[in-house]
Each structure stands twice: as C-alpha cells, then as structure tokens.
Amino acid sequence: LELLRLKHYAQAIEMLKAAIKKYPESQVLDEANLYLGKAYYESEDYLNSYLQLRNFANRFPASNIKGQAAILEGLSLKSLKRYQEAYDTFKSMLGPKQDRQLLARAEFEMGECLYYLGNTEEALKRLETLRSKYPDSEILGLVLWRLASHYSLENNLDLSIRYLLDLINSRPDIALLN
C-alpha cells in the first residue's frame, strides 16, 4: 500500500499479485484484490483494472468494500469509453443499504455516462437532482463543475457563471478550486 501511495504502481502491482498468490486464504484477500485493481487504475491500465474488479462481487459477496470495487470498475469502464457498461455498473450499486457517499458518486457517474452517451438532457436533469438530493456530499463540487462546464461549452455564460459562483460560495474548500 505504501508503494501505491508513493505512485510506484508497477512495484505495487507485483507485490499485491504475489501476496494474493501466496496467501489465498487471507482475511484481507478482498482488500488486496481491490488495491490491485486500484493500482492498475492509477497506472492508467484501465483494462486490467476492469478485469481485476469485474468479478469482485462474485468472489467477495459479503465484503464491506464491494461498493468501492464497483466504483473503480465503473470508472475503469468509463476510462475505456465503454459508457453503457459503466452506466450499468454504477446503476447496479443503487440500493438502500449502500453508503451515502458511494451512492452519490454512483449517481453522479451515471449522469456522466449519460452525458457521454449523448443523452445530454437526461444527464443534466440528473445532475440538477443530485444538487438537491446530496447538498452536503463531497460530490456536489463535481456536479456544479460539470454543469458549469456544459453551459460554458454551449456558450450560455450567464448560467455557467451562476454554477461556478455556487461552487465557490457553497464549497470554498473544494479541491477543484486549487
């Protein structure tokens, strides 16, 4: 994990693969598999990241980190421009027992996928819904940024500026502003 944190992805991948092989009965096998998928993702090897995480839910159905694995799987598919599959992955996460932050992220990513699939109207509607549904979520900054970017591209600068000001006023500590 330290290698992953230090962005030594190739070494992290090798160490995690070795640990998974050497300790197949480990109590942290699900975490090792998640971090291996994350290492692939962080190294921009989206195909191997997706392949690593694709069967996570089947291999570890009781894992308390399967939501994180599903997010990474969907992000890998999105990076591969397989937007419909990514949308389906994020949609499969929706449910009452899901962590609120992961649920907000999944819903945001569903909107992003719709946007890239060309269903702009539905994507914008979902993003607007997310603004009110998760007003205190970490995802709010990304929602406002996406809306501002869209309206800027459409040359609707007044609306774009309104979303940017909302972003600045509501979340002055957000990482997007750095």
C-alpha atoms as a PDB file:
ATOM      1  CA  LEU A   1       0.000   0.000   0.000  1.00  0.00           C
ATOM      2  CA  GLU A   2       2.923   2.299   0.648  1.00  0.00           C
ATOM      3  CA  LEU A   3       4.177   1.641  -2.894  1.00  0.00           C
ATOM      4  CA  LEU A   4       0.732   2.549  -4.198  1.00  0.00           C
ATOM      5  CA  ARG A   5       0.709   5.737  -2.132  1.00  0.00           C
ATOM      6  CA  LEU A   6       4.144   6.637  -3.481  1.00  0.00           C
ATOM      7  CA  LYS A   7       2.879   6.028  -7.040  1.00  0.00           C
ATOM      8  CA  HIS A   8       5.250   3.130  -7.659  1.00  0.00           C
ATOM      9  CA  TYR A   9       2.479   1.313  -9.463  1.00  0.00           C
ATOM     10  CA  ALA A  10       4.469  -1.427 -11.189  1.00  0.00           C
ATOM     11  CA  GLN A  11       6.065  -2.462  -7.903  1.00  0.00           C
ATOM     12  CA  ALA A  12       2.731  -2.244  -6.055  1.00  0.00           C
ATOM     13  CA  ILE A  13       1.091  -4.448  -8.679  1.00  0.00           C
ATOM     14  CA  GLU A  14       3.804  -7.081  -8.395  1.00  0.00           C
ATOM     15  CA  MET A  15       3.701  -7.067  -4.588  1.00  0.00           C
ATOM     16  CA  LEU A  16      -0.094  -7.322  -4.482  1.00  0.00           C
ATOM     17  CA  LYS A  17      -0.172 -10.120  -7.057  1.00  0.00           C
ATOM     18  CA  ALA A  18       2.462 -12.002  -5.062  1.00  0.00           C
ATOM     19  CA  ALA A  19       0.544 -11.509  -1.796  1.00  0.00           C
ATOM     20  CA  ILE A  20      -2.709 -12.722  -3.381  1.00  0.00           C
ATOM     21  CA  LYS A  21      -0.981 -15.809  -4.737  1.00  0.00           C
ATOM     22  CA  LYS A  22       0.958 -16.564  -1.555  1.00  0.00           C
ATOM     23  CA  TYR A  23      -1.927 -16.012   0.872  1.00  0.00           C
ATOM     24  CA  PRO A  24      -5.122 -17.229  -0.863  1.00  0.00           C
ATOM     25  CA  GLU A  25      -6.902 -17.767   2.454  1.00  0.00           C
ATOM     26  CA  SER A  26      -6.031 -14.366   3.923  1.00  0.00           C
ATOM     27  CA  GLN A  27      -8.699 -12.373   5.736  1.00  0.00           C
ATOM     28  CA  VAL A  28      -7.648  -9.311   3.711  1.00  0.00           C
ATOM     29  CA  LEU A  29      -7.810 -11.020   0.320  1.00  0.00           C
ATOM     30  CA  ASP A  30     -10.690  -8.778  -0.747  1.00  0.00           C
ATOM     31  CA  GLU A  31      -8.661  -5.676   0.135  1.00  0.00           C
ATOM     32  CA  ALA A  32      -5.633  -6.977  -1.758  1.00  0.00           C
ATOM     33  CA  ASN A  33      -7.795  -7.538  -4.837  1.00  0.00           C
ATOM     34  CA  LEU A  34      -9.356  -4.079  -4.537  1.00  0.00           C
ATOM     35  CA  TYR A  35      -5.953  -2.425  -4.203  1.00  0.00           C
ATOM     36  CA  LEU A  36      -4.613  -4.406  -7.148  1.00  0.00           C
ATOM     37  CA  GLY A  37      -7.485  -3.081  -9.249  1.00  0.00           C
ATOM     38  CA  LYS A  38      -6.774   0.403  -7.917  1.00  0.00           C
ATOM     39  CA  ALA A  39      -3.067   0.107  -8.746  1.00  0.00           C
ATOM     40  CA  TYR A  40      -3.946  -0.843 -12.315  1.00  0.00           C
ATOM     41  CA  TYR A  41      -6.398   2.055 -12.487  1.00  0.00           C
ATOM     42  CA  GLU A  42      -3.926   4.581 -11.082  1.00  0.00           C
ATOM     43  CA  SER A  43      -1.302   3.404 -13.573  1.00  0.00           C
ATOM     44  CA  GLU A  44      -3.875   4.032 -16.329  1.00  0.00           C
ATOM     45  CA  ASP A  45      -4.109   0.343 -17.194  1.00  0.00           C
ATOM     46  CA  TYR A  46      -7.874   0.526 -17.300  1.00  0.00           C
ATOM     47  CA  LEU A  47      -8.428  -2.811 -18.991  1.00  0.00           C
ATOM     48  CA  ASN A  48      -6.547  -4.771 -16.318  1.00  0.00           C
ATOM     49  CA  SER A  49      -8.232  -2.681 -13.641  1.00  0.00           C
ATOM     50  CA  TYR A  50     -11.628  -3.572 -15.056  1.00  0.00           C
ATOM     51  CA  LEU A  51     -10.727  -7.253 -15.410  1.00  0.00           C
ATOM     52  CA  GLN A  52      -9.430  -7.345 -11.834  1.00  0.00           C
ATOM     53  CA  LEU A  53     -12.572  -5.763 -10.404  1.00  0.00           C
ATOM     54  CA  ARG A  54     -15.201  -7.298 -12.698  1.00  0.00           C
ATOM     55  CA  ASN A  55     -15.680 -10.423 -10.598  1.00  0.00           C
ATOM     56  CA  PHE A  56     -15.112  -8.790  -7.221  1.00  0.00           C
ATOM     57  CA  ALA A  57     -18.779  -9.048  -6.159  1.00  0.00           C
ATOM     58  CA  ASN A  58     -18.881 -12.732  -7.117  1.00  0.00           C
ATOM     59  CA  ARG A  59     -15.647 -13.587  -5.329  1.00  0.00           C
ATOM     60  CA  PHE A  60     -16.350 -11.471  -2.252  1.00  0.00           C
ATOM     61  CA  PRO A  61     -20.153 -11.086  -1.944  1.00  0.00           C
ATOM     62  CA  ALA A  62     -20.028 -10.291   1.777  1.00  0.00           C
ATOM     63  CA  SER A  63     -17.158  -7.815   1.552  1.00  0.00           C
ATOM     64  CA  ASN A  64     -17.768  -4.440   3.101  1.00  0.00           C
ATOM     65  CA  ILE A  65     -15.682  -2.822   0.327  1.00  0.00           C
ATOM     66  CA  LYS A  66     -17.585  -4.163  -2.671  1.00  0.00           C
ATOM     67  CA  GLY A  67     -19.074  -0.709  -3.254  1.00  0.00           C
ATOM     68  CA  GLN A  68     -15.592   0.769  -3.621  1.00  0.00           C
ATOM     69  CA  ALA A  69     -14.689  -2.018  -6.025  1.00  0.00           C
ATOM     70  CA  ALA A  70     -17.809  -1.352  -8.098  1.00  0.00           C
ATOM     71  CA  ILE A  71     -16.987   2.369  -8.316  1.00  0.00           C
ATOM     72  CA  LEU A  72     -13.477   1.553  -9.553  1.00  0.00           C
ATOM     73  CA  GLU A  73     -14.843  -0.992 -12.013  1.00  0.00           C
ATOM     74  CA  GLY A  74     -17.236   1.591 -13.412  1.00  0.00           C
ATOM     75  CA  LEU A  75     -14.520   4.240 -13.591  1.00  0.00           C
ATOM     76  CA  SER A  76     -12.307   1.785 -15.464  1.00  0.00           C
ATOM     77  CA  LEU A  77     -15.082   1.136 -17.980  1.00  0.00           C
ATOM     78  CA  LYS A  78     -15.685   4.876 -18.301  1.00  0.00           C
ATOM     79  CA  SER A  79     -11.983   5.422 -18.981  1.00  0.00           C
ATOM     80  CA  LEU A  80     -12.192   2.734 -21.659  1.00  0.00           C
ATOM     81  CA  LYS A  81     -15.093   4.743 -23.173  1.00  0.00           C
ATOM     82  CA  ARG A  82     -17.458   1.831 -22.559  1.00  0.00           C
ATOM     83  CA  TYR A  83     -20.080   4.210 -21.226  1.00  0.00           C
ATOM     84  CA  GLN A  84     -23.132   1.958 -21.348  1.00  0.00           C
ATOM     85  CA  GLU A  85     -21.359  -0.790 -19.412  1.00  0.00           C
ATOM     86  CA  ALA A  86     -20.063   1.781 -16.941  1.00  0.00           C
ATOM     87  CA  TYR A  87     -23.586   3.162 -16.529  1.00  0.00           C
ATOM     88  CA  ASP A  88     -24.902  -0.338 -15.843  1.00  0.00           C
ATOM     89  CA  THR A  89     -22.158  -0.960 -13.281  1.00  0.00           C
ATOM     90  CA  PHE A  90     -22.930   2.261 -11.418  1.00  0.00           C
ATOM     91  CA  LYS A  91     -26.676   1.556 -11.616  1.00  0.00           C
ATOM     92  CA  SER A  92     -26.173  -1.880 -10.057  1.00  0.00           C
ATOM     93  CA  MET A  93     -24.887  -0.138  -6.925  1.00  0.00           C
ATOM     94  CA  LEU A  94     -28.125   1.685  -6.218  1.00  0.00           C
ATOM     95  CA  GLY A  95     -29.886   0.410  -3.161  1.00  0.00           C
ATOM     96  CA  PRO A  96     -30.987   1.416   0.308  1.00  0.00           C
ATOM     97  CA  LYS A  97     -28.116  -0.292   2.105  1.00  0.00           C
ATOM     98  CA  GLN A  98     -25.365   1.476   0.142  1.00  0.00           C
ATOM     99  CA  ASP A  99     -23.039   4.008   1.770  1.00  0.00           C
ATOM    100  CA  ARG A 100     -24.392   7.509   1.073  1.00  0.00           C
ATOM    101  CA  GLN A 101     -21.109   8.858  -0.345  1.00  0.00           C
ATOM    102  CA  LEU A 102     -20.701   5.858  -2.664  1.00  0.00           C
ATOM    103  CA  LEU A 103     -24.324   6.163  -3.709  1.00  0.00           C
ATOM    104  CA  ALA A 104     -23.848   9.855  -4.535  1.00  0.00           C
ATOM    105  CA  ARG A 105     -20.726   9.031  -6.550  1.00  0.00           C
ATOM    106  CA  ALA A 106     -22.502   6.242  -8.438  1.00  0.00           C
ATOM    107  CA  GLU A 107     -25.405   8.535  -9.316  1.00  0.00           C
ATOM    108  CA  PHE A 108     -23.022  11.267 -10.456  1.00  0.00           C
ATOM    109  CA  GLU A 109     -21.112   8.827 -12.637  1.00  0.00           C
ATOM    110  CA  MET A 110     -24.393   7.581 -14.124  1.00  0.00           C
ATOM    111  CA  GLY A 111     -25.115  11.158 -15.171  1.00  0.00           C
ATOM    112  CA  GLU A 112     -21.644  11.474 -16.653  1.00  0.00           C
ATOM    113  CA  CYS A 113     -22.137   8.283 -18.652  1.00  0.00           C
ATOM    114  CA  LEU A 114     -25.472   9.521 -19.975  1.00  0.00           C
ATOM    115  CA  TYR A 115     -23.766  12.760 -20.982  1.00  0.00           C
ATOM    116  CA  TYR A 116     -21.065  10.900 -22.921  1.00  0.00           C
ATOM    117  CA  LEU A 117     -23.684   8.632 -24.476  1.00  0.00           C
ATOM    118  CA  GLY A 118     -25.311  11.743 -25.948  1.00  0.00           C
ATOM    119  CA  ASN A 119     -28.333  11.821 -23.649  1.00  0.00           C
ATOM    120  CA  THR A 120     -27.477  15.343 -22.523  1.00  0.00           C
ATOM    121  CA  GLU A 121     -30.971  16.361 -21.432  1.00  0.00           C
ATOM    122  CA  GLU A 122     -31.363  13.371 -19.094  1.00  0.00           C
ATOM    123  CA  ALA A 123     -27.814  13.818 -17.783  1.00  0.00           C
ATOM    124  CA  LEU A 124     -28.406  17.492 -16.921  1.00  0.00           C
ATOM    125  CA  LYS A 125     -31.717  16.627 -15.260  1.00  0.00           C
ATOM    126  CA  ARG A 126     -29.974  14.011 -13.103  1.00  0.00           C
ATOM    127  CA  LEU A 127     -27.203  16.437 -12.172  1.00  0.00           C
ATOM    128  CA  GLU A 128     -29.765  19.031 -11.080  1.00  0.00           C
ATOM    129  CA  THR A 129     -31.499  16.371  -8.989  1.00  0.00           C
ATOM    130  CA  LEU A 130     -28.179  15.458  -7.358  1.00  0.00           C
ATOM    131  CA  ARG A 131     -27.692  19.074  -6.270  1.00  0.00           C
ATOM    132  CA  SER A 132     -30.749  18.898  -4.036  1.00  0.00           C
ATOM    133  CA  LYS A 133     -30.523  15.212  -3.135  1.00  0.00           C
ATOM    134  CA  TYR A 134     -26.937  15.397  -1.817  1.00  0.00           C
ATOM    135  CA  PRO A 135     -26.366  19.044  -0.815  1.00  0.00           C
ATOM    136  CA  ASP A 136     -23.723  18.130   1.774  1.00  0.00           C
ATOM    137  CA  SER A 137     -21.994  15.456  -0.274  1.00  0.00           C
ATOM    138  CA  GLU A 138     -18.423  15.606  -1.500  1.00  0.00           C
ATOM    139  CA  ILE A 139     -19.862  15.068  -4.970  1.00  0.00           C
ATOM    140  CA  LEU A 140     -21.604  18.477  -5.009  1.00  0.00           C
ATOM    141  CA  GLY A 141     -18.456  20.208  -6.271  1.00  0.00           C
ATOM    142  CA  LEU A 142     -18.187  17.817  -9.206  1.00  0.00           C
ATOM    143  CA  VAL A 143     -21.872  18.283 -10.028  1.00  0.00           C
ATOM    144  CA  LEU A 144     -21.578  22.064 -10.074  1.00  0.00           C
ATOM    145  CA  TRP A 145     -18.344  21.875 -12.063  1.00  0.00           C
ATOM    146  CA  ARG A 146     -19.935  19.558 -14.664  1.00  0.00           C
ATOM    147  CA  LEU A 147     -22.960  21.856 -15.026  1.00  0.00           C
ATOM    148  CA  ALA A 148     -20.754  24.946 -15.369  1.00  0.00           C
ATOM    149  CA  SER A 149     -18.587  23.205 -17.960  1.00  0.00           C
ATOM    150  CA  HIS A 150     -21.598  22.105 -20.001  1.00  0.00           C
ATOM    151  CA  TYR A 151     -23.162  25.561 -20.111  1.00  0.00           C
ATOM    152  CA  SER A 152     -19.814  27.128 -20.914  1.00  0.00           C
ATOM    153  CA  LEU A 153     -19.478  24.808 -23.931  1.00  0.00           C
ATOM    154  CA  GLU A 154     -22.975  25.820 -25.005  1.00  0.00           C
ATOM    155  CA  ASN A 155     -21.900  29.467 -24.716  1.00  0.00           C
ATOM    156  CA  ASN A 156     -24.516  30.073 -22.027  1.00  0.00           C
ATOM    157  CA  LEU A 157     -22.015  32.002 -19.947  1.00  0.00           C
ATOM    158  CA  ASP A 158     -24.540  33.517 -17.526  1.00  0.00           C
ATOM    159  CA  LEU A 159     -25.680  30.080 -16.412  1.00  0.00           C
ATOM    160  CA  SER A 160     -22.108  28.780 -16.362  1.00  0.00           C
ATOM    161  CA  ILE A 161     -21.033  31.671 -14.141  1.00  0.00           C
ATOM    162  CA  ARG A 162     -24.011  31.046 -11.846  1.00  0.00           C
ATOM    163  CA  TYR A 163     -22.885  27.432 -11.283  1.00  0.00           C
ATOM    164  CA  LEU A 164     -19.277  28.486 -10.753  1.00  0.00           C
ATOM    165  CA  LEU A 165     -20.325  31.092  -8.199  1.00  0.00           C
ATOM    166  CA  ASP A 166     -22.489  28.496  -6.492  1.00  0.00           C
ATOM    167  CA  LEU A 167     -19.454  26.210  -6.382  1.00  0.00           C
ATOM    168  CA  ILE A 168     -17.262  28.919  -4.897  1.00  0.00           C
ATOM    169  CA  ASN A 169     -19.848  30.085  -2.380  1.00  0.00           C
ATOM    170  CA  SER A 170     -21.014  26.683  -1.222  1.00  0.00           C
ATOM    171  CA  ARG A 171     -17.722  24.809  -1.190  1.00  0.00           C
ATOM    172  CA  PRO A 172     -14.775  27.193  -0.795  1.00  0.00           C
ATOM    173  CA  ASP A 173     -12.564  24.346   0.396  1.00  0.00           C
ATOM    174  CA  ILE A 174     -13.248  22.102  -2.599  1.00  0.00           C
ATOM    175  CA  ALA A 175     -10.194  20.631  -4.303  1.00  0.00           C
ATOM    176  CA  LEU A 176     -11.421  21.777  -7.716  1.00  0.00           C
ATOM    177  CA  LEU A 177     -10.656  25.361  -6.750  1.00  0.00           C
ATOM    178  CA  ASN A 178      -6.982  24.666  -6.069  1.00  0.00           C
END
